[in-house]
Amino acid sequence: MAVYPLAGESPDLSGNLIPELYALEFNIEFYAKTVFGEIANTNYEGKIKQFGDTVNIPTYGEMAVREYTKGQKLIYTPSQPGTIQLLINKGFYYAFPANQLDLKQSQIDFVPPWIKRGTNNLKIQVDQEVLSYVYGQAHAANQGATAGLESENINLGAATAPLQLTKTNILEVICQCGQVLDEQQVDDEGRWMVLPAWAITLIKTSDIKNTGLTGDDTSPIRNGRIGEVDRFQIYRSSNLTTGTDTVKVWNACFGHPDGVTFAAQLDTSEQFTDPNDFGQLVRALFVYGRLVNKPEAIGHLYIRQ
């Protein structure tokens, strides 16, 4: 079939004398950036890698403090430690056949790029699941329209009233998220925040574009890097959970790696002969567990554009 108009008696040779050609490389794919490896700790991964499906993590018990009077009889109160459990109960896989005839006749070695695609899609699926889980486990004082363990007056967005972010208020909101963690006594070092791309643009076009505010040599609007804002390492993600609350809303989150633990137990891939046909079967499996072990170190931003 001709790809351009034909005039008069001009013959259409397309598909006959003029062949269709196929490129020897697949069209490039863009994949969503994953962040689960940046926002969680892997403190207990070493134990579960070998065997087992549960890690029992001890927690501190309360320690009573009393006023002292010289010469008084002391009261000894035992601490009552507890445990929380990290369960290895999540997993995703991909699998596809590679028929021997297709492998022989194809001018493209399609198996490696398909493996790459499957691996990237698997990582994205894990990232979406982890982010969806994490924000839902935030401490009650770290979310909603009256957030703040002590202040109780910080608006992080709530059902029917998502917080609208603009380039005018976004830096203030980030600082308020920092205050929320401050009131929970969360460590300054290592804090993170995951935002959608449009919120990153708001940061870049806010007053932070003035390098004097960040201390950097180059404005974020010129180099594209956000870096840290009020002790938060800012991450961009397209894997945040979204919904509709009159308008489209995003469940962004912030916190500290000490607040969520992640453990990958099995990350395996196989390629073997198809027992029912000529060719190969290719598959991969990723099994893991995730646990918000310190809800007070996790916050939830319920936001809209």
Protein backbone atom coordinates (compact mmCIF):
# COMPACT_ATOMS: atom_id res chain seq x y z
CA MET A 1 0.00 0.00 0.00
CA ALA A 2 1.46 3.35 -1.02
CA VAL A 3 2.34 5.74 1.76
CA TYR A 4 1.82 8.81 -0.46
CA PRO A 5 -0.89 9.84 -2.98
CA LEU A 6 -0.69 8.43 -6.51
CA ALA A 7 -1.38 10.61 -9.56
CA GLY A 8 -2.97 9.39 -12.80
CA GLU A 9 -1.80 5.97 -13.97
CA SER A 10 1.17 5.83 -11.59
CA PRO A 11 1.45 2.20 -10.38
CA ASP A 12 1.37 1.23 -6.68
CA LEU A 13 4.44 -0.97 -6.18
CA SER A 14 4.32 -0.92 -2.38
CA GLY A 15 3.93 -4.42 -1.00
CA ASN A 16 5.01 -5.94 -4.33
CA LEU A 17 8.32 -4.65 -5.67
CA ILE A 18 8.78 -2.30 -2.73
CA PRO A 19 9.05 -4.39 0.45
CA GLU A 20 8.14 -3.49 4.00
CA LEU A 21 11.15 -3.65 6.29
CA TYR A 22 11.32 -4.40 10.00
CA ALA A 23 13.76 -2.63 12.28
CA LEU A 24 16.28 -4.82 14.09
CA GLU A 25 15.67 -3.13 17.45
CA PHE A 26 12.52 -2.70 19.50
CA ASN A 27 11.07 0.77 19.99
CA ILE A 28 12.52 2.28 23.14
CA GLU A 29 10.44 2.01 26.32
CA PHE A 30 10.31 4.44 29.22
CA TYR A 31 9.73 2.95 32.66
CA ALA A 32 8.44 4.55 35.83
CA LYS A 33 11.17 5.28 38.35
CA THR A 34 11.00 3.10 41.47
CA VAL A 35 11.75 4.36 44.98
CA PHE A 36 11.00 1.50 47.37
CA GLY A 37 14.71 0.78 47.71
CA GLU A 38 15.33 4.36 48.86
CA ILE A 39 12.60 4.84 51.45
CA ALA A 40 12.88 1.60 53.42
CA ASN A 41 15.52 -0.12 55.50
CA THR A 42 16.59 -3.72 54.91
CA ASN A 43 17.78 -4.43 58.44
CA TYR A 44 16.15 -7.86 58.62
CA GLU A 45 16.67 -9.04 55.05
CA GLY A 46 19.79 -11.04 55.91
CA LYS A 47 17.90 -13.35 58.26
CA ILE A 48 14.96 -14.11 55.99
CA LYS A 49 17.14 -14.69 52.90
CA GLN A 50 18.14 -18.14 54.15
CA PHE A 51 14.81 -19.62 55.27
CA GLY A 52 11.54 -18.90 57.05
CA ASP A 53 8.50 -16.76 56.30
CA THR A 54 8.31 -14.57 59.42
CA VAL A 55 10.73 -12.31 61.29
CA ASN A 56 9.72 -11.50 64.86
CA ILE A 57 11.09 -8.05 65.67
CA PRO A 58 11.37 -7.15 69.37
CA THR A 59 10.01 -3.79 70.49
CA TYR A 60 10.93 -1.73 73.53
CA GLY A 61 8.60 -1.79 76.48
CA GLU A 62 7.63 1.31 78.44
CA MET A 63 10.05 2.48 81.11
CA ALA A 64 8.48 4.32 84.03
CA VAL A 65 10.23 7.45 85.34
CA ARG A 66 9.38 8.71 88.83
CA GLU A 67 10.32 11.68 90.96
CA TYR A 68 13.08 10.96 93.46
CA THR A 69 13.28 11.92 97.13
CA LYS A 70 16.48 11.28 99.04
CA GLY A 71 16.24 8.20 101.23
CA GLN A 72 13.02 6.89 99.69
CA LYS A 73 12.41 3.25 98.90
CA LEU A 74 12.79 2.78 95.16
CA ILE A 75 10.06 1.18 93.07
CA TYR A 76 11.31 -1.26 90.45
CA THR A 77 8.98 -1.69 87.48
CA PRO A 78 9.86 -4.32 84.88
CA SER A 79 9.68 -3.34 81.24
CA GLN A 80 7.28 -5.34 79.10
CA PRO A 81 8.81 -5.71 75.63
CA GLY A 82 6.73 -6.93 72.74
CA THR A 83 7.19 -8.12 69.16
CA ILE A 84 5.97 -7.15 65.73
CA GLN A 85 6.11 -9.45 62.70
CA LEU A 86 7.59 -8.94 59.27
CA LEU A 87 5.78 -11.43 57.03
CA ILE A 88 7.18 -12.61 53.71
CA ASN A 89 3.80 -12.78 52.01
CA LYS A 90 3.95 -10.72 48.82
CA GLY A 91 5.12 -11.78 45.38
CA PHE A 92 4.91 -11.00 41.68
CA TYR A 93 6.09 -12.89 38.57
CA TYR A 94 6.20 -12.76 34.81
CA ALA A 95 6.40 -15.66 32.36
CA PHE A 96 6.39 -16.05 28.58
CA PRO A 97 7.06 -18.74 25.97
CA ALA A 98 9.67 -18.47 23.21
CA ASN A 99 8.76 -20.92 20.45
CA GLN A 100 11.74 -22.50 18.68
CA LEU A 101 10.31 -21.66 15.26
CA ASP A 102 9.93 -17.99 16.22
CA LEU A 103 13.46 -17.96 17.59
CA LYS A 104 14.79 -19.41 14.33
CA GLN A 105 12.83 -17.26 11.91
CA SER A 106 12.85 -13.93 13.71
CA GLN A 107 15.51 -11.44 12.67
CA ILE A 108 15.46 -10.04 16.21
CA ASP A 109 16.68 -11.85 19.30
CA PHE A 110 13.51 -10.93 21.19
CA VAL A 111 14.10 -12.85 24.43
CA PRO A 112 16.59 -10.44 26.13
CA PRO A 113 14.47 -7.29 25.56
CA TRP A 114 11.35 -9.13 26.71
CA ILE A 115 13.18 -10.17 29.88
CA LYS A 116 14.22 -6.54 30.41
CA ARG A 117 10.63 -5.39 29.95
CA GLY A 118 9.31 -8.02 32.33
CA THR A 119 11.92 -7.15 34.96
CA ASN A 120 11.12 -3.44 34.80
CA ASN A 121 7.37 -4.05 34.95
CA LEU A 122 7.88 -6.35 37.94
CA LYS A 123 9.85 -3.66 39.79
CA ILE A 124 7.15 -1.09 39.04
CA GLN A 125 4.46 -3.44 40.37
CA VAL A 126 6.40 -3.93 43.62
CA ASP A 127 6.93 -0.17 43.93
CA GLN A 128 3.23 0.55 43.46
CA GLU A 129 2.28 -2.05 46.06
CA VAL A 130 4.80 -0.81 48.63
CA LEU A 131 3.85 2.87 48.21
CA SER A 132 0.15 2.01 48.43
CA TYR A 133 0.79 0.11 51.66
CA VAL A 134 3.09 2.66 53.29
CA TYR A 135 0.87 5.74 53.18
CA GLY A 136 -2.04 3.76 54.63
CA GLN A 137 0.00 2.91 57.73
CA ALA A 138 0.87 6.50 58.69
CA HIS A 139 0.34 7.49 62.32
CA ALA A 140 -3.00 9.20 62.97
CA ALA A 141 -1.18 12.39 64.01
CA ASN A 142 0.78 12.40 60.73
CA GLN A 143 -2.18 12.82 58.38
CA GLY A 144 -5.45 14.62 57.92
CA ALA A 145 -6.54 18.22 58.37
CA THR A 146 -5.38 18.42 62.00
CA ALA A 147 -2.00 16.74 61.82
CA GLY A 148 0.76 17.27 64.36
CA LEU A 149 1.10 15.26 67.56
CA GLU A 150 1.51 18.47 69.59
CA SER A 151 0.22 21.26 67.34
CA GLU A 152 -2.83 19.46 65.87
CA ASN A 153 -3.30 22.28 63.34
CA ILE A 154 -1.35 21.20 60.24
CA ASN A 155 -3.44 20.51 57.15
CA LEU A 156 -2.10 17.57 55.12
CA GLY A 157 -5.38 17.00 53.29
CA ALA A 158 -8.37 14.85 54.18
CA ALA A 159 -11.25 13.03 52.48
CA THR A 160 -13.54 15.46 50.61
CA ALA A 161 -10.95 18.19 51.24
CA PRO A 162 -7.63 17.27 49.58
CA LEU A 163 -4.85 19.79 50.05
CA GLN A 164 -4.26 21.83 46.92
CA LEU A 165 -0.56 22.35 46.23
CA THR A 166 0.68 25.43 44.39
CA LYS A 167 4.11 26.89 43.76
CA THR A 168 3.23 29.48 46.40
CA ASN A 169 2.51 27.06 49.26
CA ILE A 170 4.52 23.93 48.46
CA LEU A 171 7.66 24.90 50.38
CA GLU A 172 5.54 25.74 53.42
CA VAL A 173 3.79 22.36 53.16
CA ILE A 174 7.13 20.53 53.01
CA CYS A 175 8.32 22.41 56.10
CA GLN A 176 5.07 21.54 57.88
CA CYS A 177 5.67 17.87 57.06
CA GLY A 178 9.07 18.32 58.68
CA GLN A 179 7.34 19.73 61.76
CA VAL A 180 5.02 16.71 61.87
CA LEU A 181 8.06 14.41 62.09
CA ASP A 182 9.76 16.77 64.55
CA GLU A 183 6.80 16.43 66.91
CA GLN A 184 7.22 12.63 66.69
CA GLN A 185 10.95 12.97 67.55
CA VAL A 186 11.97 11.39 64.22
CA ASP A 187 15.67 11.69 63.33
CA ASP A 188 16.61 14.53 60.98
CA GLU A 189 19.06 12.49 58.90
CA GLY A 190 17.63 10.29 56.16
CA ARG A 191 14.14 11.76 55.84
CA TRP A 192 12.42 11.25 52.48
CA MET A 193 9.37 12.49 50.61
CA VAL A 194 7.77 10.97 47.50
CA LEU A 195 5.79 13.32 45.24
CA PRO A 196 4.20 13.14 41.77
CA ALA A 197 5.89 14.86 38.85
CA TRP A 198 3.57 17.87 38.85
CA ALA A 199 4.45 18.61 42.49
CA ILE A 200 8.16 18.45 41.62
CA THR A 201 7.52 21.09 38.98
CA LEU A 202 5.87 23.29 41.61
CA ILE A 203 9.00 23.01 43.75
CA LYS A 204 11.25 23.93 40.83
CA THR A 205 9.17 27.00 39.98
CA SER A 206 8.73 28.11 43.60
CA ASP A 207 11.09 30.44 45.43
CA ILE A 208 13.55 27.55 45.64
CA LYS A 209 14.68 28.43 42.10
CA ASN A 210 16.68 31.14 43.88
CA THR A 211 19.95 29.31 44.63
CA GLY A 212 20.42 31.46 47.70
CA LEU A 213 17.61 29.51 49.38
CA THR A 214 19.19 26.10 48.78
CA GLY A 215 22.86 26.91 49.09
CA ASP A 216 23.50 25.14 45.76
CA ASP A 217 25.63 26.58 42.98
CA THR A 218 22.94 26.01 40.37
CA SER A 219 19.20 26.54 40.59
CA PRO A 220 17.02 23.38 40.47
CA ILE A 221 15.23 24.91 37.49
CA ARG A 222 18.53 24.70 35.56
CA ASN A 223 19.89 21.30 36.60
CA GLY A 224 16.59 19.50 37.26
CA ARG A 225 17.72 18.14 40.63
CA ILE A 226 15.71 18.94 43.73
CA GLY A 227 17.96 17.34 46.34
CA GLU A 228 17.01 18.11 49.94
CA VAL A 229 14.32 20.50 51.11
CA ASP A 230 14.01 20.99 54.89
CA ARG A 231 15.90 17.74 55.57
CA PHE A 232 13.76 15.73 53.12
CA GLN A 233 15.36 13.95 50.17
CA ILE A 234 12.73 14.54 47.49
CA TYR A 235 11.85 11.67 45.12
CA ARG A 236 9.66 11.80 42.03
CA SER A 237 7.34 8.87 41.38
CA SER A 238 4.56 7.93 38.98
CA ASN A 239 3.71 4.93 41.16
CA LEU A 240 1.83 6.77 43.90
CA THR A 241 -1.75 5.66 44.49
CA THR A 242 -4.30 8.00 42.92
CA GLY A 243 -8.06 8.32 43.22
CA THR A 244 -11.02 10.61 42.63
CA ASP A 245 -12.42 12.87 45.35
CA THR A 246 -14.46 15.23 43.16
CA VAL A 247 -11.07 15.87 41.52
CA LYS A 248 -8.09 13.62 40.94
CA VAL A 249 -6.07 13.13 44.13
CA TRP A 250 -2.66 11.65 44.97
CA ASN A 251 -1.62 9.79 48.11
CA ALA A 252 1.90 11.13 48.56
CA CYS A 253 3.98 10.09 51.54
CA PHE A 254 6.97 11.14 53.60
CA GLY A 255 8.96 9.68 56.44
CA HIS A 256 12.19 8.06 57.56
CA PRO A 257 13.74 4.70 56.53
CA ASP A 258 13.58 3.56 60.15
CA GLY A 259 9.79 3.63 59.81
CA VAL A 260 9.44 0.97 57.13
CA THR A 261 11.41 -2.23 56.61
CA PHE A 262 11.66 -4.25 53.39
CA ALA A 263 13.02 -7.73 52.86
CA ALA A 264 13.41 -9.50 49.51
CA GLN A 265 13.60 -13.26 50.06
CA LEU A 266 13.54 -14.64 46.55
CA ASP A 267 14.58 -12.94 43.30
CA THR A 268 14.96 -15.63 40.68
CA SER A 269 14.65 -16.10 36.94
CA GLU A 270 14.65 -19.27 34.86
CA GLN A 271 14.87 -20.23 31.19
CA PHE A 272 14.28 -23.87 30.33
CA THR A 273 13.01 -26.19 27.60
CA ASP A 274 9.25 -26.17 27.04
CA PRO A 275 8.09 -29.74 27.87
CA ASN A 276 4.99 -29.42 25.68
CA ASP A 277 6.41 -27.70 22.61
CA PHE A 278 9.65 -26.83 20.85
CA GLY A 279 11.31 -23.81 22.39
CA GLN A 280 11.92 -22.20 25.74
CA LEU A 281 9.88 -21.02 28.72
CA VAL A 282 11.10 -17.91 30.51
CA ARG A 283 9.91 -16.81 33.93
CA ALA A 284 10.91 -14.74 36.94
CA LEU A 285 9.65 -14.49 40.51
CA PHE A 286 10.15 -11.85 43.21
CA VAL A 287 8.99 -12.61 46.76
CA TYR A 288 9.25 -10.08 49.57
CA GLY A 289 7.80 -8.63 52.74
CA ARG A 290 7.25 -5.05 53.90
CA LEU A 291 6.28 -3.65 57.25
CA VAL A 292 5.69 -0.18 58.64
CA ASN A 293 7.35 -0.91 61.98
CA LYS A 294 7.25 2.71 63.23
CA PRO A 295 4.01 4.41 62.07
CA GLU A 296 5.06 7.63 63.82
CA ALA A 297 7.90 7.90 61.28
CA ILE A 298 5.50 7.83 58.29
CA GLY A 299 3.28 10.67 57.04
CA HIS A 300 0.49 10.89 54.46
CA LEU A 301 -0.11 13.85 52.13
CA TYR A 302 -3.55 13.77 50.47
CA ILE A 303 -3.10 16.25 47.64
CA ARG A 304 -4.61 17.67 44.47
CA GLN A 305 -3.37 19.93 41.72
